[in-house]
Amino acid sequence: MIWRRLSALFRPRNSARAEYRLFAAYNRFRAGEANAEDAELMIADLANFTGFYRVHPPDDALAFQEGKRAAFGRLFYFLNLSEAEARLLAEAARAETLADQTEGIDL
């Protein structure tokens, strides 16, 4: 199996066609309609964006937390949520954080 990625499908990788394909993958994922190629493109994109496979351990906890936020920011950017959806997502995330903290799970 070859993992599908934008750099293999589009030259250059950062072309408008490549970005459109990635937007489409993230939005199909949100709609519950993503296929295997969408999933592979999204995961490869996030692995690249987050530097997951680069061996550079974080210097401190703050830098690591900022990195995690940046990774989610990448996903959020491509989801193209309406204001109402973004507000609902923020409320849900705050509720999840509160649930984790009250259950004794340190984020």
N, C-alpha and C. Protein backbone atom coordinates (compact mmCIF):
# COMPACT_ATOMS: atom_id res chain seq x y z
N MET A 1 0.83 -1.18 0.00
CA MET A 1 0.00 0.00 0.00
C MET A 1 0.88 1.24 0.00
N ILE A 2 0.51 2.22 -0.77
CA ILE A 2 1.18 3.52 -0.78
C ILE A 2 0.23 4.52 -0.15
N TRP A 3 0.73 5.23 0.86
CA TRP A 3 -0.10 6.23 1.53
C TRP A 3 -0.26 7.43 0.61
N ARG A 4 -1.48 7.79 0.31
CA ARG A 4 -1.73 8.93 -0.57
C ARG A 4 -1.43 10.24 0.13
N ARG A 5 -0.84 11.16 -0.62
CA ARG A 5 -0.50 12.47 -0.06
C ARG A 5 -0.55 13.50 -1.16
N LEU A 6 -0.73 14.75 -0.77
CA LEU A 6 -0.85 15.83 -1.75
C LEU A 6 0.38 15.96 -2.63
N SER A 7 1.56 15.80 -2.04
CA SER A 7 2.78 15.99 -2.82
C SER A 7 2.91 14.96 -3.93
N ALA A 8 2.25 13.83 -3.80
CA ALA A 8 2.26 12.82 -4.86
C ALA A 8 1.18 13.08 -5.90
N LEU A 9 0.13 13.79 -5.51
CA LEU A 9 -0.99 14.03 -6.42
C LEU A 9 -0.90 15.37 -7.16
N PHE A 10 -0.24 16.35 -6.56
CA PHE A 10 -0.21 17.70 -7.13
C PHE A 10 1.21 18.24 -7.14
N ARG A 11 1.54 18.91 -8.21
CA ARG A 11 2.82 19.62 -8.33
C ARG A 11 2.51 21.07 -8.66
N PRO A 12 2.87 22.06 -7.89
CA PRO A 12 3.46 21.93 -6.57
C PRO A 12 2.42 21.56 -5.51
N ARG A 13 2.89 21.08 -4.39
CA ARG A 13 2.02 20.61 -3.32
C ARG A 13 1.14 21.74 -2.80
N ASN A 14 1.62 22.95 -2.82
CA ASN A 14 0.85 24.09 -2.27
C ASN A 14 0.05 24.83 -3.34
N SER A 15 -0.27 24.16 -4.43
CA SER A 15 -1.07 24.79 -5.49
C SER A 15 -2.52 24.97 -5.04
N ALA A 16 -3.24 25.80 -5.75
CA ALA A 16 -4.66 26.01 -5.43
C ALA A 16 -5.44 24.71 -5.59
N ARG A 17 -5.11 23.90 -6.59
CA ARG A 17 -5.80 22.61 -6.78
C ARG A 17 -5.56 21.68 -5.58
N ALA A 18 -4.34 21.66 -5.08
CA ALA A 18 -4.02 20.81 -3.93
C ALA A 18 -4.77 21.29 -2.69
N GLU A 19 -4.79 22.60 -2.46
CA GLU A 19 -5.50 23.13 -1.30
C GLU A 19 -7.00 22.85 -1.40
N TYR A 20 -7.57 22.98 -2.59
CA TYR A 20 -8.98 22.67 -2.78
C TYR A 20 -9.24 21.20 -2.45
N ARG A 21 -8.36 20.31 -2.89
CA ARG A 21 -8.54 18.87 -2.62
C ARG A 21 -8.51 18.60 -1.13
N LEU A 22 -7.61 19.29 -0.40
CA LEU A 22 -7.52 19.11 1.04
C LEU A 22 -8.75 19.68 1.75
N PHE A 23 -9.23 20.86 1.32
CA PHE A 23 -10.47 21.41 1.87
C PHE A 23 -11.61 20.41 1.68
N ALA A 24 -11.70 19.83 0.48
CA ALA A 24 -12.76 18.87 0.19
C ALA A 24 -12.67 17.66 1.12
N ALA A 25 -11.47 17.16 1.35
CA ALA A 25 -11.29 16.00 2.23
C ALA A 25 -11.75 16.31 3.65
N TYR A 26 -11.32 17.46 4.19
CA TYR A 26 -11.71 17.83 5.56
C TYR A 26 -13.23 18.04 5.66
N ASN A 27 -13.82 18.64 4.68
CA ASN A 27 -15.26 18.88 4.74
C ASN A 27 -16.07 17.60 4.55
N ARG A 28 -15.59 16.68 3.71
CA ARG A 28 -16.28 15.38 3.61
C ARG A 28 -16.16 14.62 4.93
N PHE A 29 -15.00 14.75 5.59
CA PHE A 29 -14.82 14.11 6.90
C PHE A 29 -15.85 14.65 7.89
N ARG A 30 -16.00 15.97 7.92
CA ARG A 30 -16.96 16.59 8.84
C ARG A 30 -18.38 16.14 8.55
N ALA A 31 -18.70 15.93 7.28
CA ALA A 31 -20.04 15.50 6.88
C ALA A 31 -20.24 14.00 7.02
N GLY A 32 -19.21 13.28 7.44
CA GLY A 32 -19.32 11.82 7.57
C GLY A 32 -19.27 11.11 6.23
N GLU A 33 -18.68 11.74 5.22
CA GLU A 33 -18.66 11.18 3.88
C GLU A 33 -17.24 10.96 3.36
N ALA A 34 -16.24 11.03 4.23
CA ALA A 34 -14.85 10.87 3.80
C ALA A 34 -14.59 9.45 3.33
N ASN A 35 -13.78 9.33 2.30
CA ASN A 35 -13.37 8.01 1.83
C ASN A 35 -11.94 7.74 2.28
N ALA A 36 -11.39 6.61 1.89
CA ALA A 36 -10.05 6.23 2.33
C ALA A 36 -8.99 7.24 1.85
N GLU A 37 -9.14 7.73 0.63
CA GLU A 37 -8.16 8.71 0.13
C GLU A 37 -8.24 9.99 0.94
N ASP A 38 -9.46 10.46 1.26
CA ASP A 38 -9.61 11.65 2.10
C ASP A 38 -8.88 11.47 3.42
N ALA A 39 -9.11 10.32 4.06
CA ALA A 39 -8.49 10.06 5.37
C ALA A 39 -6.97 10.05 5.27
N GLU A 40 -6.44 9.41 4.25
CA GLU A 40 -4.99 9.36 4.10
C GLU A 40 -4.41 10.74 3.86
N LEU A 41 -5.07 11.54 3.02
CA LEU A 41 -4.59 12.89 2.77
C LEU A 41 -4.62 13.74 4.04
N MET A 42 -5.70 13.64 4.80
CA MET A 42 -5.83 14.42 6.03
C MET A 42 -4.77 14.01 7.05
N ILE A 43 -4.60 12.73 7.24
CA ILE A 43 -3.64 12.26 8.25
C ILE A 43 -2.21 12.63 7.85
N ALA A 44 -1.89 12.46 6.58
CA ALA A 44 -0.55 12.84 6.12
C ALA A 44 -0.34 14.35 6.29
N ASP A 45 -1.36 15.14 5.99
CA ASP A 45 -1.26 16.58 6.15
C ASP A 45 -1.03 16.95 7.61
N LEU A 46 -1.80 16.36 8.51
CA LEU A 46 -1.63 16.68 9.93
C LEU A 46 -0.28 16.20 10.47
N ALA A 47 0.17 15.03 10.03
CA ALA A 47 1.47 14.54 10.47
C ALA A 47 2.57 15.50 10.02
N ASN A 48 2.47 15.98 8.79
CA ASN A 48 3.45 16.93 8.30
C ASN A 48 3.35 18.25 9.05
N PHE A 49 2.15 18.78 9.17
CA PHE A 49 1.95 20.08 9.81
C PHE A 49 2.42 20.09 11.26
N THR A 50 2.15 19.00 11.98
CA THR A 50 2.52 18.94 13.40
C THR A 50 3.97 18.53 13.62
N GLY A 51 4.63 18.04 12.56
CA GLY A 51 6.01 17.57 12.72
C GLY A 51 6.09 16.28 13.51
N PHE A 52 5.03 15.49 13.47
CA PHE A 52 4.93 14.28 14.28
C PHE A 52 6.11 13.34 14.09
N TYR A 53 6.57 13.20 12.88
CA TYR A 53 7.65 12.26 12.61
C TYR A 53 9.03 12.89 12.67
N ARG A 54 9.10 14.15 13.05
CA ARG A 54 10.40 14.80 13.26
C ARG A 54 10.78 14.62 14.71
N VAL A 55 12.01 14.26 14.95
CA VAL A 55 12.44 13.99 16.32
C VAL A 55 13.05 15.25 16.93
N HIS A 56 12.18 16.06 17.50
CA HIS A 56 12.58 17.27 18.21
C HIS A 56 11.70 17.36 19.45
N PRO A 57 12.12 16.75 20.55
CA PRO A 57 11.27 16.80 21.75
C PRO A 57 11.05 18.23 22.21
N PRO A 58 9.87 18.50 22.76
CA PRO A 58 9.59 19.87 23.21
C PRO A 58 10.53 20.29 24.32
N ASP A 59 10.90 21.59 24.30
CA ASP A 59 11.78 22.12 25.33
C ASP A 59 11.06 22.30 26.66
N ASP A 60 9.78 22.58 26.59
CA ASP A 60 9.03 22.74 27.83
C ASP A 60 7.55 22.46 27.56
N ALA A 61 6.79 22.36 28.61
CA ALA A 61 5.38 22.00 28.49
C ALA A 61 4.58 23.05 27.72
N LEU A 62 4.90 24.31 27.86
CA LEU A 62 4.16 25.36 27.17
C LEU A 62 4.31 25.22 25.65
N ALA A 63 5.52 24.99 25.20
CA ALA A 63 5.75 24.81 23.76
C ALA A 63 4.97 23.60 23.24
N PHE A 64 4.91 22.55 24.02
CA PHE A 64 4.18 21.35 23.61
C PHE A 64 2.68 21.65 23.51
N GLN A 65 2.13 22.36 24.49
CA GLN A 65 0.71 22.72 24.46
C GLN A 65 0.40 23.61 23.27
N GLU A 66 1.28 24.57 22.98
CA GLU A 66 1.07 25.45 21.83
C GLU A 66 1.10 24.64 20.54
N GLY A 67 1.95 23.64 20.47
CA GLY A 67 2.00 22.77 19.31
C GLY A 67 0.71 22.00 19.11
N LYS A 68 0.15 21.51 20.19
CA LYS A 68 -1.12 20.79 20.09
C LYS A 68 -2.23 21.73 19.61
N ARG A 69 -2.23 22.95 20.12
CA ARG A 69 -3.23 23.92 19.67
C ARG A 69 -3.05 24.25 18.19
N ALA A 70 -1.81 24.36 17.76
CA ALA A 70 -1.55 24.63 16.34
C ALA A 70 -2.04 23.48 15.47
N ALA A 71 -1.89 22.26 15.95
CA ALA A 71 -2.36 21.09 15.19
C ALA A 71 -3.87 21.14 15.03
N PHE A 72 -4.58 21.46 16.09
CA PHE A 72 -6.03 21.56 15.98
C PHE A 72 -6.41 22.75 15.11
N GLY A 73 -5.66 23.83 15.21
CA GLY A 73 -5.93 24.99 14.38
C GLY A 73 -5.88 24.66 12.90
N ARG A 74 -5.00 23.75 12.54
CA ARG A 74 -4.91 23.30 11.14
C ARG A 74 -6.21 22.63 10.73
N LEU A 75 -6.72 21.75 11.55
CA LEU A 75 -7.98 21.07 11.26
C LEU A 75 -9.12 22.09 11.21
N PHE A 76 -9.18 22.98 12.18
CA PHE A 76 -10.23 23.99 12.26
C PHE A 76 -10.24 24.86 11.00
N TYR A 77 -9.07 25.23 10.51
CA TYR A 77 -8.96 26.08 9.32
C TYR A 77 -9.66 25.43 8.11
N PHE A 78 -9.48 24.14 7.93
CA PHE A 78 -10.04 23.48 6.76
C PHE A 78 -11.51 23.09 6.92
N LEU A 79 -12.05 23.07 8.12
CA LEU A 79 -13.43 22.66 8.32
C LEU A 79 -14.45 23.69 7.85
N ASN A 80 -14.06 24.96 7.77
CA ASN A 80 -14.93 25.99 7.22
C ASN A 80 -16.30 26.01 7.91
N LEU A 81 -16.26 26.11 9.24
CA LEU A 81 -17.49 26.10 10.03
C LEU A 81 -18.21 27.44 9.97
N SER A 82 -19.52 27.41 10.06
CA SER A 82 -20.29 28.65 10.19
C SER A 82 -20.04 29.20 11.60
N GLU A 83 -20.46 30.45 11.83
CA GLU A 83 -20.30 31.02 13.17
C GLU A 83 -21.03 30.20 14.21
N ALA A 84 -22.23 29.75 13.87
CA ALA A 84 -23.02 28.95 14.81
C ALA A 84 -22.33 27.62 15.11
N GLU A 85 -21.80 26.97 14.08
CA GLU A 85 -21.10 25.69 14.29
C GLU A 85 -19.84 25.89 15.12
N ALA A 86 -19.11 26.97 14.84
CA ALA A 86 -17.89 27.26 15.60
C ALA A 86 -18.21 27.52 17.07
N ARG A 87 -19.29 28.23 17.31
CA ARG A 87 -19.72 28.51 18.69
C ARG A 87 -20.10 27.22 19.40
N LEU A 88 -20.86 26.35 18.72
CA LEU A 88 -21.25 25.07 19.31
C LEU A 88 -20.04 24.19 19.60
N LEU A 89 -19.08 24.20 18.67
CA LEU A 89 -17.85 23.42 18.89
C LEU A 89 -17.09 23.94 20.10
N ALA A 90 -16.96 25.27 20.22
CA ALA A 90 -16.27 25.85 21.37
C ALA A 90 -16.95 25.47 22.67
N GLU A 91 -18.28 25.52 22.68
CA GLU A 91 -19.03 25.13 23.89
C GLU A 91 -18.82 23.66 24.21
N ALA A 92 -18.83 22.82 23.20
CA ALA A 92 -18.61 21.39 23.42
C ALA A 92 -17.21 21.13 23.94
N ALA A 93 -16.22 21.82 23.38
CA ALA A 93 -14.84 21.63 23.83
C ALA A 93 -14.66 22.08 25.27
N ARG A 94 -15.29 23.20 25.63
CA ARG A 94 -15.20 23.66 27.02
C ARG A 94 -15.86 22.67 27.97
N ALA A 95 -16.98 22.11 27.54
CA ALA A 95 -17.66 21.10 28.37
C ALA A 95 -16.79 19.86 28.54
N GLU A 96 -16.11 19.45 27.46
CA GLU A 96 -15.22 18.28 27.56
C GLU A 96 -14.05 18.56 28.50
N THR A 97 -13.50 19.78 28.42
CA THR A 97 -12.39 20.15 29.30
C THR A 97 -12.84 20.13 30.75
N LEU A 98 -14.00 20.70 31.00
CA LEU A 98 -14.54 20.71 32.36
C LEU A 98 -14.76 19.28 32.86
N ALA A 99 -15.29 18.41 32.01
CA ALA A 99 -15.52 17.01 32.40
C ALA A 99 -14.20 16.33 32.72
N ASP A 100 -13.18 16.56 31.92
CA ASP A 100 -11.86 15.96 32.19
C ASP A 100 -11.29 16.45 33.51
N GLN A 101 -11.41 17.75 33.76
CA GLN A 101 -10.86 18.30 34.99
C GLN A 101 -11.61 17.82 36.22
N THR A 102 -12.91 17.68 36.12
CA THR A 102 -13.67 17.22 37.28
C THR A 102 -13.51 15.71 37.51
N GLU A 103 -13.07 15.00 36.51
CA GLU A 103 -12.79 13.56 36.66
C GLU A 103 -11.36 13.31 37.08
N GLY A 104 -10.60 14.40 37.31
CA GLY A 104 -9.23 14.25 37.79
C GLY A 104 -8.23 14.00 36.69
N ILE A 105 -8.60 14.20 35.45
CA ILE A 105 -7.67 14.00 34.35
C ILE A 105 -6.97 15.32 34.09
N ASP A 106 -5.65 15.33 34.21
CA ASP A 106 -4.86 16.54 33.96
C ASP A 106 -4.60 16.68 32.47
N LEU A 107 -5.11 17.75 31.87
CA LEU A 107 -4.89 17.99 30.45
C LEU A 107 -3.50 18.50 30.26
